Amino acid sequence: MLYTAFTVAFYGFLRCGEFTIRRSKSFDCNNNLCISDVLFYSDYVILHLKQSKTDPFRMGVDIQLHKLNHDCCPFKALHDYLIVRNTMFKFQNNNALFIDESGIALEREFFISKLKHLLGICGYNPQSFNGHSFRIGAATTAGKSNIEDHLIKTLGRWNSNSYCRYIRTSKNVIKKAQQKLSS
């Protein structure tokens, strides 16, 4: 579940609140991400967010997650997760998409604590990461990959240039820019 949530959060430029809930008792299938919000097609999956920060009228937004020829594929992660999830916890369409090992809807605090724990095991400073790290990481990776600005805005569902705040620029990149200025 965590691998799938991490992968979908990254490729979907998701905010933590778009796929987790504050408290398990607060899960509401009319507002939170459910199994019915995942629609598979032959080469992509649609993740339907019923509400989002940039969706004030609660019209919902569809996020495309494509099959990728890569080990880290959001389509495959979701597909495989749902097979395992259905084996462990028979589900209905209005059930929470992401659940913990006891079958409870994925809480924000649980998600962030597991993220920090795993990052610590991998040798990273867990204090440098939070629930917004996947959105920031996706924007930064898109910027480093020279993805066009309008596509970064589209992928992250930004209406303004505020996405620029998310792109982390390394000291080496700044140094190279300054070196170009001096030539």
N, C-alpha and C. Protein backbone atom coordinates (compact mmCIF):
# COMPACT_ATOMS: atom_id res chain seq x y z
N MET A 1 0.82 -1.19 0.00
CA MET A 1 0.00 0.00 0.00
C MET A 1 0.87 1.25 0.00
N LEU A 2 1.90 1.26 0.86
CA LEU A 2 2.75 2.45 0.93
C LEU A 2 3.45 2.70 -0.41
N TYR A 3 3.98 1.64 -1.02
CA TYR A 3 4.64 1.81 -2.32
C TYR A 3 3.67 2.43 -3.33
N THR A 4 2.45 1.93 -3.35
CA THR A 4 1.45 2.45 -4.29
C THR A 4 1.11 3.90 -3.96
N ALA A 5 0.89 4.20 -2.69
CA ALA A 5 0.57 5.58 -2.29
C ALA A 5 1.73 6.51 -2.64
N PHE A 6 2.96 6.08 -2.39
CA PHE A 6 4.14 6.91 -2.73
C PHE A 6 4.19 7.16 -4.24
N THR A 7 4.02 6.09 -5.01
CA THR A 7 4.13 6.18 -6.47
C THR A 7 3.02 7.06 -7.06
N VAL A 8 1.81 6.83 -6.62
CA VAL A 8 0.67 7.62 -7.11
C VAL A 8 0.79 9.08 -6.68
N ALA A 9 1.23 9.31 -5.45
CA ALA A 9 1.41 10.68 -4.97
C ALA A 9 2.44 11.42 -5.81
N PHE A 10 3.54 10.74 -6.15
CA PHE A 10 4.59 11.38 -6.96
C PHE A 10 4.10 11.66 -8.38
N TYR A 11 3.66 10.64 -9.08
CA TYR A 11 3.27 10.83 -10.49
C TYR A 11 1.99 11.66 -10.63
N GLY A 12 1.16 11.68 -9.60
CA GLY A 12 -0.05 12.47 -9.64
C GLY A 12 0.10 13.87 -9.06
N PHE A 13 1.34 14.21 -8.61
CA PHE A 13 1.60 15.52 -7.98
C PHE A 13 0.57 15.77 -6.88
N LEU A 14 0.29 14.76 -6.07
CA LEU A 14 -0.79 14.86 -5.10
C LEU A 14 -0.38 15.57 -3.82
N ARG A 15 -1.33 16.29 -3.26
CA ARG A 15 -1.22 16.82 -1.92
C ARG A 15 -1.59 15.69 -0.97
N CYS A 16 -0.97 15.64 0.18
CA CYS A 16 -1.21 14.56 1.13
C CYS A 16 -2.70 14.44 1.48
N GLY A 17 -3.38 15.54 1.62
CA GLY A 17 -4.79 15.53 1.96
C GLY A 17 -5.70 15.02 0.86
N GLU A 18 -5.15 14.82 -0.34
CA GLU A 18 -5.96 14.32 -1.44
C GLU A 18 -6.07 12.79 -1.43
N PHE A 19 -5.20 12.12 -0.68
CA PHE A 19 -5.26 10.65 -0.65
C PHE A 19 -5.20 10.08 0.76
N THR A 20 -5.11 10.95 1.78
CA THR A 20 -5.16 10.50 3.17
C THR A 20 -6.31 11.23 3.86
N ILE A 21 -6.60 10.80 5.08
CA ILE A 21 -7.62 11.48 5.88
C ILE A 21 -7.02 11.86 7.22
N ARG A 22 -7.62 12.79 7.90
CA ARG A 22 -7.12 13.24 9.21
C ARG A 22 -7.24 12.14 10.26
N ARG A 23 -8.42 11.54 10.38
CA ARG A 23 -8.68 10.47 11.35
C ARG A 23 -9.52 9.41 10.65
N SER A 24 -9.27 8.16 10.98
CA SER A 24 -9.99 7.07 10.31
C SER A 24 -11.50 7.21 10.42
N LYS A 25 -11.97 7.74 11.50
CA LYS A 25 -13.42 7.90 11.69
C LYS A 25 -13.99 9.01 10.80
N SER A 26 -13.11 9.81 10.21
CA SER A 26 -13.59 10.91 9.39
C SER A 26 -13.72 10.54 7.91
N PHE A 27 -13.47 9.28 7.56
CA PHE A 27 -13.59 8.88 6.15
C PHE A 27 -15.03 9.07 5.67
N ASP A 28 -15.15 9.71 4.51
CA ASP A 28 -16.45 9.97 3.91
C ASP A 28 -16.34 9.65 2.42
N CYS A 29 -17.05 8.64 1.98
CA CYS A 29 -16.94 8.22 0.58
C CYS A 29 -17.41 9.30 -0.39
N ASN A 30 -18.15 10.30 0.09
CA ASN A 30 -18.58 11.39 -0.79
C ASN A 30 -17.50 12.44 -1.01
N ASN A 31 -16.46 12.44 -0.17
CA ASN A 31 -15.40 13.44 -0.27
C ASN A 31 -14.01 12.83 -0.45
N ASN A 32 -13.78 11.66 0.12
CA ASN A 32 -12.45 11.06 0.11
C ASN A 32 -12.27 10.07 -1.03
N LEU A 33 -11.03 9.78 -1.33
CA LEU A 33 -10.66 8.89 -2.42
C LEU A 33 -11.12 7.46 -2.14
N CYS A 34 -11.89 6.92 -3.07
CA CYS A 34 -12.46 5.56 -2.94
C CYS A 34 -11.98 4.68 -4.10
N ILE A 35 -12.25 3.41 -3.97
CA ILE A 35 -11.93 2.47 -5.04
C ILE A 35 -12.67 2.86 -6.32
N SER A 36 -13.89 3.33 -6.19
CA SER A 36 -14.68 3.73 -7.37
C SER A 36 -14.08 4.92 -8.10
N ASP A 37 -13.13 5.60 -7.49
CA ASP A 37 -12.48 6.76 -8.12
C ASP A 37 -11.30 6.36 -8.99
N VAL A 38 -11.10 5.06 -9.17
CA VAL A 38 -10.01 4.54 -10.00
C VAL A 38 -10.62 3.83 -11.19
N LEU A 39 -10.33 4.32 -12.39
CA LEU A 39 -10.85 3.72 -13.62
C LEU A 39 -9.69 3.32 -14.52
N PHE A 40 -9.59 2.03 -14.80
CA PHE A 40 -8.50 1.51 -15.62
C PHE A 40 -8.90 1.48 -17.09
N TYR A 41 -7.98 1.90 -17.93
CA TYR A 41 -8.08 1.76 -19.38
C TYR A 41 -6.88 0.93 -19.81
N SER A 42 -6.74 0.68 -21.09
CA SER A 42 -5.68 -0.22 -21.54
C SER A 42 -4.27 0.27 -21.21
N ASP A 43 -4.02 1.57 -21.33
CA ASP A 43 -2.66 2.04 -21.10
C ASP A 43 -2.55 3.19 -20.09
N TYR A 44 -3.62 3.48 -19.39
CA TYR A 44 -3.58 4.49 -18.33
C TYR A 44 -4.73 4.25 -17.36
N VAL A 45 -4.64 4.92 -16.24
CA VAL A 45 -5.68 4.85 -15.23
C VAL A 45 -6.08 6.28 -14.89
N ILE A 46 -7.35 6.49 -14.64
CA ILE A 46 -7.85 7.79 -14.19
C ILE A 46 -8.07 7.70 -12.69
N LEU A 47 -7.50 8.65 -11.98
CA LEU A 47 -7.73 8.79 -10.55
C LEU A 47 -8.60 10.04 -10.40
N HIS A 48 -9.83 9.85 -9.95
CA HIS A 48 -10.75 10.97 -9.84
C HIS A 48 -10.74 11.52 -8.41
N LEU A 49 -10.27 12.76 -8.28
CA LEU A 49 -10.32 13.43 -6.99
C LEU A 49 -11.64 14.19 -6.92
N LYS A 50 -12.43 13.89 -5.92
CA LYS A 50 -13.74 14.53 -5.77
C LYS A 50 -13.61 15.99 -5.38
N GLN A 51 -12.51 16.31 -4.70
CA GLN A 51 -12.27 17.68 -4.29
C GLN A 51 -10.77 17.91 -4.21
N SER A 52 -10.40 19.15 -4.38
CA SER A 52 -9.00 19.53 -4.36
C SER A 52 -8.89 20.99 -3.94
N LYS A 53 -7.74 21.36 -3.48
CA LYS A 53 -7.51 22.74 -3.02
C LYS A 53 -7.82 23.77 -4.11
N THR A 54 -7.50 23.44 -5.35
CA THR A 54 -7.71 24.38 -6.45
C THR A 54 -9.04 24.12 -7.16
N ASP A 55 -9.95 23.42 -6.49
CA ASP A 55 -11.25 23.11 -7.05
C ASP A 55 -12.33 23.63 -6.08
N PRO A 56 -12.48 24.97 -6.00
CA PRO A 56 -13.37 25.55 -4.99
C PRO A 56 -14.84 25.16 -5.14
N PHE A 57 -15.26 24.80 -6.34
CA PHE A 57 -16.66 24.45 -6.56
C PHE A 57 -16.89 22.94 -6.46
N ARG A 58 -15.86 22.22 -6.07
CA ARG A 58 -15.93 20.77 -5.87
C ARG A 58 -16.49 20.04 -7.09
N MET A 59 -15.95 20.39 -8.24
CA MET A 59 -16.35 19.74 -9.49
C MET A 59 -15.59 18.43 -9.67
N GLY A 60 -14.47 18.31 -9.00
CA GLY A 60 -13.64 17.13 -9.15
C GLY A 60 -12.63 17.31 -10.27
N VAL A 61 -11.60 16.50 -10.22
CA VAL A 61 -10.56 16.57 -11.24
C VAL A 61 -10.06 15.15 -11.51
N ASP A 62 -9.81 14.87 -12.77
CA ASP A 62 -9.29 13.57 -13.17
C ASP A 62 -7.80 13.67 -13.42
N ILE A 63 -7.07 12.74 -12.83
CA ILE A 63 -5.61 12.69 -12.99
C ILE A 63 -5.29 11.44 -13.79
N GLN A 64 -4.55 11.62 -14.87
CA GLN A 64 -4.13 10.49 -15.69
C GLN A 64 -2.80 9.94 -15.15
N LEU A 65 -2.76 8.64 -14.97
CA LEU A 65 -1.53 7.95 -14.57
C LEU A 65 -1.29 6.86 -15.61
N HIS A 66 -0.26 7.04 -16.42
CA HIS A 66 -0.03 6.17 -17.57
C HIS A 66 0.86 4.98 -17.24
N LYS A 67 0.73 3.96 -18.10
CA LYS A 67 1.66 2.84 -18.04
C LYS A 67 3.01 3.39 -18.48
N LEU A 68 4.03 3.07 -17.72
CA LEU A 68 5.37 3.54 -18.04
C LEU A 68 6.28 2.34 -18.23
N ASN A 69 7.20 2.46 -19.13
CA ASN A 69 8.17 1.40 -19.34
C ASN A 69 9.31 1.60 -18.33
N HIS A 70 8.95 1.44 -17.06
CA HIS A 70 9.89 1.72 -15.97
C HIS A 70 9.52 0.86 -14.78
N ASP A 71 10.49 0.59 -13.92
CA ASP A 71 10.22 -0.21 -12.72
C ASP A 71 9.20 0.46 -11.81
N CYS A 72 9.22 1.77 -11.79
CA CYS A 72 8.30 2.54 -10.94
C CYS A 72 7.17 3.06 -11.83
N CYS A 73 6.05 2.34 -11.84
CA CYS A 73 4.94 2.66 -12.74
C CYS A 73 3.66 2.82 -11.93
N PRO A 74 3.03 3.99 -11.98
CA PRO A 74 1.82 4.20 -11.19
C PRO A 74 0.67 3.28 -11.61
N PHE A 75 0.55 3.01 -12.90
CA PHE A 75 -0.50 2.13 -13.42
C PHE A 75 -0.34 0.73 -12.81
N LYS A 76 0.85 0.18 -12.93
CA LYS A 76 1.12 -1.17 -12.40
C LYS A 76 0.99 -1.21 -10.88
N ALA A 77 1.49 -0.18 -10.21
CA ALA A 77 1.40 -0.13 -8.75
C ALA A 77 -0.06 -0.18 -8.30
N LEU A 78 -0.92 0.62 -8.91
CA LEU A 78 -2.34 0.63 -8.55
C LEU A 78 -3.01 -0.70 -8.89
N HIS A 79 -2.71 -1.22 -10.07
CA HIS A 79 -3.28 -2.50 -10.50
C HIS A 79 -2.92 -3.61 -9.52
N ASP A 80 -1.64 -3.75 -9.23
CA ASP A 80 -1.17 -4.81 -8.33
C ASP A 80 -1.69 -4.61 -6.91
N TYR A 81 -1.71 -3.37 -6.45
CA TYR A 81 -2.21 -3.07 -5.11
C TYR A 81 -3.67 -3.50 -4.96
N LEU A 82 -4.49 -3.18 -5.95
CA LEU A 82 -5.91 -3.50 -5.86
C LEU A 82 -6.15 -5.01 -5.87
N ILE A 83 -5.31 -5.75 -6.57
CA ILE A 83 -5.43 -7.21 -6.55
C ILE A 83 -5.13 -7.73 -5.15
N VAL A 84 -4.02 -7.28 -4.56
CA VAL A 84 -3.64 -7.72 -3.22
C VAL A 84 -4.66 -7.23 -2.20
N ARG A 85 -5.08 -6.00 -2.33
CA ARG A 85 -6.03 -5.42 -1.38
C ARG A 85 -7.34 -6.20 -1.38
N ASN A 86 -7.82 -6.57 -2.56
CA ASN A 86 -9.07 -7.32 -2.66
C ASN A 86 -8.92 -8.73 -2.07
N THR A 87 -7.73 -9.31 -2.16
CA THR A 87 -7.48 -10.62 -1.59
C THR A 87 -7.51 -10.55 -0.07
N MET A 88 -6.92 -9.50 0.48
CA MET A 88 -6.85 -9.35 1.94
C MET A 88 -8.14 -8.79 2.54
N PHE A 89 -8.74 -7.82 1.87
CA PHE A 89 -9.94 -7.16 2.36
C PHE A 89 -10.90 -7.03 1.18
N LYS A 90 -11.86 -7.92 1.08
CA LYS A 90 -12.85 -7.80 0.01
C LYS A 90 -13.44 -6.39 0.07
N PHE A 91 -13.45 -5.75 -1.07
CA PHE A 91 -13.87 -4.36 -1.04
C PHE A 91 -15.12 -4.08 -1.86
N GLN A 92 -15.71 -2.96 -1.53
CA GLN A 92 -16.81 -2.41 -2.31
C GLN A 92 -16.33 -1.07 -2.85
N ASN A 93 -16.98 -0.61 -3.89
CA ASN A 93 -16.52 0.60 -4.58
C ASN A 93 -16.47 1.84 -3.70
N ASN A 94 -17.28 1.91 -2.65
CA ASN A 94 -17.28 3.12 -1.82
C ASN A 94 -16.32 3.00 -0.63
N ASN A 95 -15.48 1.96 -0.62
CA ASN A 95 -14.45 1.82 0.41
C ASN A 95 -13.27 2.72 0.09
N ALA A 96 -12.52 3.10 1.13
CA ALA A 96 -11.32 3.92 0.95
C ALA A 96 -10.34 3.20 0.02
N LEU A 97 -9.70 3.97 -0.85
CA LEU A 97 -8.72 3.38 -1.76
C LEU A 97 -7.51 2.86 -0.99
N PHE A 98 -6.92 3.72 -0.19
CA PHE A 98 -5.73 3.34 0.57
C PHE A 98 -6.12 3.02 2.00
N ILE A 99 -5.70 1.86 2.46
CA ILE A 99 -5.99 1.43 3.82
C ILE A 99 -4.71 0.89 4.46
N ASP A 100 -4.66 0.95 5.79
CA ASP A 100 -3.50 0.39 6.49
C ASP A 100 -3.68 -1.12 6.65
N GLU A 101 -2.75 -1.76 7.33
CA GLU A 101 -2.76 -3.23 7.44
C GLU A 101 -3.95 -3.78 8.22
N SER A 102 -4.65 -2.92 8.93
CA SER A 102 -5.84 -3.38 9.66
C SER A 102 -7.13 -3.09 8.89
N GLY A 103 -7.01 -2.49 7.70
CA GLY A 103 -8.18 -2.21 6.89
C GLY A 103 -8.78 -0.84 7.12
N ILE A 104 -8.10 0.00 7.88
CA ILE A 104 -8.59 1.35 8.20
C ILE A 104 -8.09 2.33 7.12
N ALA A 105 -8.94 3.29 6.75
CA ALA A 105 -8.56 4.30 5.76
C ALA A 105 -7.24 4.96 6.17
N LEU A 106 -6.41 5.22 5.18
CA LEU A 106 -5.05 5.75 5.40
C LEU A 106 -5.09 7.14 6.05
N GLU A 107 -4.59 7.20 7.28
CA GLU A 107 -4.52 8.47 8.00
C GLU A 107 -3.24 9.20 7.65
N ARG A 108 -3.33 10.52 7.59
CA ARG A 108 -2.20 11.37 7.27
C ARG A 108 -1.02 11.12 8.21
N GLU A 109 -1.27 11.09 9.51
CA GLU A 109 -0.19 10.90 10.49
C GLU A 109 0.50 9.55 10.31
N PHE A 110 -0.26 8.50 10.06
CA PHE A 110 0.31 7.17 9.81
C PHE A 110 1.19 7.20 8.57
N PHE A 111 0.67 7.81 7.49
CA PHE A 111 1.40 7.90 6.23
C PHE A 111 2.73 8.63 6.41
N ILE A 112 2.69 9.79 7.06
CA ILE A 112 3.90 10.59 7.24
C ILE A 112 4.89 9.88 8.16
N SER A 113 4.42 9.24 9.21
CA SER A 113 5.35 8.53 10.11
C SER A 113 6.01 7.37 9.40
N LYS A 114 5.28 6.64 8.56
CA LYS A 114 5.87 5.53 7.79
C LYS A 114 6.87 6.06 6.76
N LEU A 115 6.52 7.17 6.12
CA LEU A 115 7.43 7.79 5.15
C LEU A 115 8.75 8.15 5.82
N LYS A 116 8.68 8.83 6.95
CA LYS A 116 9.89 9.26 7.66
C LYS A 116 10.69 8.06 8.16
N HIS A 117 10.01 7.03 8.63
CA HIS A 117 10.70 5.83 9.10
C HIS A 117 11.48 5.18 7.95
N LEU A 118 10.84 5.02 6.80
CA LEU A 118 11.50 4.39 5.65
C LEU A 118 12.64 5.24 5.13
N LEU A 119 12.48 6.54 5.10
CA LEU A 119 13.56 7.43 4.66
C LEU A 119 14.76 7.34 5.60
N GLY A 120 14.49 7.24 6.90
CA GLY A 120 15.57 7.08 7.87
C GLY A 120 16.33 5.79 7.63
N ILE A 121 15.63 4.71 7.36
CA ILE A 121 16.27 3.43 7.06
C ILE A 121 17.16 3.55 5.82
N CYS A 122 16.72 4.34 4.86
CA CYS A 122 17.48 4.53 3.61
C CYS A 122 18.63 5.53 3.76
N GLY A 123 18.78 6.11 4.93
CA GLY A 123 19.89 7.02 5.17
C GLY A 123 19.60 8.50 4.94
N TYR A 124 18.34 8.83 4.71
CA TYR A 124 17.98 10.23 4.53
C TYR A 124 17.57 10.84 5.87
N ASN A 125 17.66 12.15 5.95
CA ASN A 125 17.20 12.85 7.15
C ASN A 125 15.68 12.95 7.10
N PRO A 126 14.97 12.19 7.93
CA PRO A 126 13.51 12.19 7.88
C PRO A 126 12.88 13.55 8.16
N GLN A 127 13.58 14.39 8.90
CA GLN A 127 13.03 15.71 9.24
C GLN A 127 12.95 16.63 8.03
N SER A 128 13.62 16.26 6.95
CA SER A 128 13.60 17.08 5.73
C SER A 128 12.39 16.78 4.85
N PHE A 129 11.53 15.85 5.29
CA PHE A 129 10.41 15.43 4.46
C PHE A 129 9.10 15.55 5.23
N ASN A 130 8.02 15.74 4.46
CA ASN A 130 6.68 15.82 5.05
C ASN A 130 5.65 15.34 4.03
N GLY A 131 4.41 15.57 4.31
CA GLY A 131 3.35 15.10 3.43
C GLY A 131 3.33 15.76 2.07
N HIS A 132 3.93 16.89 1.93
CA HIS A 132 3.98 17.62 0.65
C HIS A 132 5.20 17.23 -0.18
N SER A 133 6.04 16.37 0.36
CA SER A 133 7.31 16.05 -0.31
C SER A 133 7.13 15.41 -1.68
N PHE A 134 6.08 14.64 -1.89
CA PHE A 134 5.89 14.02 -3.20
C PHE A 134 5.53 15.06 -4.25
N ARG A 135 4.72 16.03 -3.88
CA ARG A 135 4.36 17.12 -4.79
C ARG A 135 5.59 17.97 -5.12
N ILE A 136 6.35 18.29 -4.08
CA ILE A 136 7.58 19.05 -4.27
C ILE A 136 8.57 18.26 -5.11
N GLY A 137 8.72 16.98 -4.79
CA GLY A 137 9.64 16.12 -5.53
C GLY A 137 9.25 15.97 -6.98
N ALA A 138 7.96 15.85 -7.24
CA ALA A 138 7.49 15.73 -8.63
C ALA A 138 7.78 17.02 -9.40
N ALA A 139 7.51 18.17 -8.79
CA ALA A 139 7.77 19.45 -9.46
C ALA A 139 9.26 19.64 -9.69
N THR A 140 10.07 19.30 -8.70
CA THR A 140 11.52 19.44 -8.83
C THR A 140 12.06 18.51 -9.92
N THR A 141 11.59 17.27 -9.91
CA THR A 141 12.03 16.31 -10.93
C THR A 141 11.59 16.76 -12.31
N ALA A 142 10.38 17.27 -12.43
CA ALA A 142 9.91 17.78 -13.72
C ALA A 142 10.78 18.94 -14.19
N GLY A 143 11.12 19.85 -13.28
CA GLY A 143 11.99 20.97 -13.64
C GLY A 143 13.36 20.49 -14.09
N LYS A 144 13.96 19.56 -13.35
CA LYS A 144 15.27 19.01 -13.71
C LYS A 144 15.22 18.25 -15.03
N SER A 145 14.07 17.69 -15.35
CA SER A 145 13.90 16.93 -16.59
C SER A 145 13.56 17.82 -17.78
N ASN A 146 13.57 19.12 -17.55
CA ASN A 146 13.27 20.11 -18.59
C ASN A 146 11.87 19.95 -19.17
N ILE A 147 10.94 19.52 -18.33
CA ILE A 147 9.54 19.46 -18.76
C ILE A 147 9.05 20.90 -18.84
N GLU A 148 8.34 21.21 -19.90
CA GLU A 148 7.90 22.58 -20.14
C GLU A 148 7.02 23.08 -18.99
N ASP A 149 7.15 24.38 -18.73
CA ASP A 149 6.42 25.00 -17.62
C ASP A 149 4.92 24.73 -17.66
N HIS A 150 4.32 24.87 -18.84
CA HIS A 150 2.88 24.67 -18.91
C HIS A 150 2.49 23.23 -18.58
N LEU A 151 3.37 22.27 -18.86
CA LEU A 151 3.07 20.88 -18.51
C LEU A 151 3.22 20.65 -17.01
N ILE A 152 4.20 21.29 -16.40
CA ILE A 152 4.34 21.18 -14.94
C ILE A 152 3.08 21.74 -14.27
N LYS A 153 2.61 22.88 -14.77
CA LYS A 153 1.38 23.48 -14.22
C LYS A 153 0.19 22.54 -14.40
N THR A 154 0.11 21.91 -15.56
CA THR A 154 -0.99 20.99 -15.84
C THR A 154 -0.91 19.76 -14.96
N LEU A 155 0.26 19.16 -14.87
CA LEU A 155 0.45 17.94 -14.07
C LEU A 155 0.14 18.20 -12.59
N GLY A 156 0.56 19.35 -12.10
CA GLY A 156 0.35 19.68 -10.70
C GLY A 156 -0.94 20.42 -10.42
N ARG A 157 -1.72 20.69 -11.46
CA ARG A 157 -3.00 21.37 -11.31
C ARG A 157 -2.85 22.74 -10.67
N TRP A 158 -1.81 23.46 -11.07
CA TRP A 158 -1.59 24.82 -10.58
C TRP A 158 -2.25 25.80 -11.54
N ASN A 159 -2.90 26.81 -11.00
CA ASN A 159 -3.53 27.84 -11.82
C ASN A 159 -2.62 29.04 -12.01
N SER A 160 -1.57 29.12 -11.23
CA SER A 160 -0.66 30.26 -11.30
C SER A 160 0.77 29.72 -11.43
N ASN A 161 1.72 30.60 -11.31
CA ASN A 161 3.13 30.18 -11.34
C ASN A 161 3.65 29.79 -9.96
N SER A 162 2.74 29.56 -9.03
CA SER A 162 3.16 29.20 -7.67
C SER A 162 3.92 27.88 -7.63
N TYR A 163 3.80 27.06 -8.67
CA TYR A 163 4.55 25.81 -8.72
C TYR A 163 6.06 26.06 -8.65
N CYS A 164 6.49 27.23 -9.06
CA CYS A 164 7.92 27.55 -9.03
C CYS A 164 8.48 27.47 -7.61
N ARG A 165 7.64 27.73 -6.61
CA ARG A 165 8.07 27.63 -5.22
C ARG A 165 8.43 26.20 -4.83
N TYR A 166 7.88 25.24 -5.56
CA TYR A 166 8.09 23.84 -5.24
C TYR A 166 9.38 23.28 -5.83
N ILE A 167 9.86 23.91 -6.86
CA ILE A 167 11.05 23.39 -7.54
C ILE A 167 12.28 23.76 -6.73
N ARG A 168 12.95 22.76 -6.22
CA ARG A 168 14.17 22.95 -5.43
C ARG A 168 15.36 23.01 -6.38
N THR A 169 16.16 24.04 -6.24
CA THR A 169 17.33 24.24 -7.10
C THR A 169 18.58 24.00 -6.26
N SER A 170 19.42 23.10 -6.75
CA SER A 170 20.63 22.75 -6.01
C SER A 170 21.67 23.87 -6.09
N LYS A 171 22.61 23.84 -5.16
CA LYS A 171 23.70 24.82 -5.14
C LYS A 171 24.52 24.74 -6.43
N ASN A 172 24.73 23.53 -6.94
CA ASN A 172 25.51 23.37 -8.17
C ASN A 172 24.84 24.02 -9.37
N VAL A 173 23.52 23.92 -9.44
CA VAL A 173 22.79 24.54 -10.55
C VAL A 173 22.89 26.06 -10.45
N ILE A 174 22.77 26.60 -9.24
CA ILE A 174 22.91 28.04 -9.05
C ILE A 174 24.32 28.49 -9.41
N LYS A 175 25.31 27.70 -8.99
CA LYS A 175 26.71 28.03 -9.31
C LYS A 175 26.92 28.05 -10.81
N LYS A 176 26.40 27.05 -11.53
CA LYS A 176 26.55 27.01 -12.99
C LYS A 176 25.88 28.21 -13.65
N ALA A 177 24.72 28.60 -13.13
CA ALA A 177 24.02 29.77 -13.67
C ALA A 177 24.85 31.02 -13.49
N GLN A 178 25.46 31.16 -12.30
CA GLN A 178 26.31 32.32 -12.03
C GLN A 178 27.56 32.29 -12.89
N GLN A 179 28.09 31.10 -13.13
CA GLN A 179 29.26 31.01 -14.01
C GLN A 179 28.91 31.43 -15.42
N LYS A 180 27.74 31.10 -15.89
CA LYS A 180 27.30 31.53 -17.22
C LYS A 180 27.17 33.03 -17.26
N LEU A 181 26.70 33.63 -16.16
CA LEU A 181 26.58 35.09 -16.09
C LEU A 181 27.95 35.76 -16.19
N SER A 182 28.95 35.12 -15.65
CA SER A 182 30.28 35.74 -15.61
C SER A 182 31.04 35.58 -16.93
N SER A 183 30.54 34.77 -17.83
CA SER A 183 31.29 34.56 -19.09
C SER A 183 30.87 35.48 -20.20
